Amino acid sequence: MTLEAYLKKHSITHKQFADTIGCEQPTVSRFIAGRIPSPELMRVISERTGGQVTPNDFFGIVAARQTGRAA
């Protein structure tokens, strides 16, 4: 799931999420616009979203189990 979709689904603002992951609101907006977070922030984002947003989601990689295709 993209970060944008996650935030919309849970009615979370960029500012609220920024506070949750320990960064500023413009940083979250940049992630939504396509900037790739650092590996450390990707880990934090994955943890704080309960694994709903993973590092692969920032690269548009869909796991084989989600598409039904073999890897």
Protein backbone atom coordinates (compact mmCIF):
# COMPACT_ATOMS: atom_id res chain seq x y z
CA MET A 1 0.00 0.00 0.00
CA THR A 2 1.34 3.43 -0.78
CA LEU A 3 1.93 5.87 2.04
CA GLU A 4 -0.63 8.20 0.50
CA ALA A 5 -3.27 5.46 0.42
CA TYR A 6 -2.48 4.49 4.01
CA LEU A 7 -2.86 8.06 5.25
CA LYS A 8 -6.15 8.52 3.38
CA LYS A 9 -7.53 5.18 4.57
CA HIS A 10 -6.83 6.08 8.20
CA SER A 11 -7.65 9.81 7.91
CA ILE A 12 -4.15 10.79 9.03
CA THR A 13 -2.70 14.15 8.03
CA HIS A 14 0.85 14.56 6.77
CA LYS A 15 1.63 16.49 9.97
CA GLN A 16 0.20 13.80 12.23
CA PHE A 17 2.20 11.11 10.47
CA ALA A 18 5.35 13.22 10.51
CA ASP A 19 5.01 13.51 14.28
CA THR A 20 4.55 9.74 14.50
CA ILE A 21 7.75 8.95 12.58
CA GLY A 22 9.86 11.79 13.96
CA CYS A 23 10.24 14.09 10.97
CA GLU A 24 8.72 17.30 9.61
CA GLN A 25 5.47 17.56 7.60
CA PRO A 26 7.22 18.64 4.36
CA THR A 27 9.27 15.45 4.50
CA VAL A 28 6.13 13.31 4.50
CA SER A 29 4.75 15.38 1.62
CA ARG A 30 7.96 14.71 -0.32
CA PHE A 31 7.57 10.97 0.29
CA ILE A 32 4.03 11.16 -1.09
CA ALA A 33 5.37 13.04 -4.13
CA GLY A 34 7.93 10.32 -4.85
CA ARG A 35 11.04 10.97 -2.77
CA ILE A 36 12.47 7.77 -1.32
CA PRO A 37 12.94 7.74 2.47
CA SER A 38 16.22 6.71 4.03
CA PRO A 39 16.45 3.01 4.95
CA GLU A 40 16.02 3.95 8.62
CA LEU A 41 12.85 5.97 7.94
CA MET A 42 11.50 3.18 5.71
CA ARG A 43 11.90 0.81 8.66
CA VAL A 44 10.11 3.25 10.99
CA ILE A 45 7.30 3.82 8.47
CA SER A 46 6.81 0.08 8.08
CA GLU A 47 6.72 -0.39 11.86
CA ARG A 48 4.35 2.52 12.53
CA THR A 49 1.95 1.39 9.80
CA GLY A 50 1.88 -2.17 11.11
CA GLY A 51 3.60 -3.39 7.94
CA GLN A 52 0.92 -1.95 5.68
CA VAL A 53 3.47 0.35 4.01
CA THR A 54 6.71 -1.46 3.22
CA PRO A 55 9.98 -0.37 1.62
CA ASN A 56 8.86 -2.10 -1.58
CA ASP A 57 5.88 0.24 -1.76
CA PHE A 58 8.21 3.21 -2.26
CA PHE A 59 9.66 1.49 -5.33
CA GLY A 60 6.37 0.22 -6.76
CA ILE A 61 7.37 -3.40 -6.15
CA VAL A 62 4.41 -5.70 -5.59
CA ALA A 63 5.11 -9.01 -3.89
CA ALA A 64 4.36 -12.14 -5.92
CA ARG A 65 1.77 -13.27 -3.37
CA GLN A 66 -0.17 -10.06 -3.95
CA THR A 67 -0.25 -10.40 -7.72
CA GLY A 68 -0.68 -14.16 -7.86
CA ARG A 69 2.44 -14.45 -10.00
CA ALA A 70 5.46 -16.52 -9.10
CA ALA A 71 8.63 -14.64 -8.24
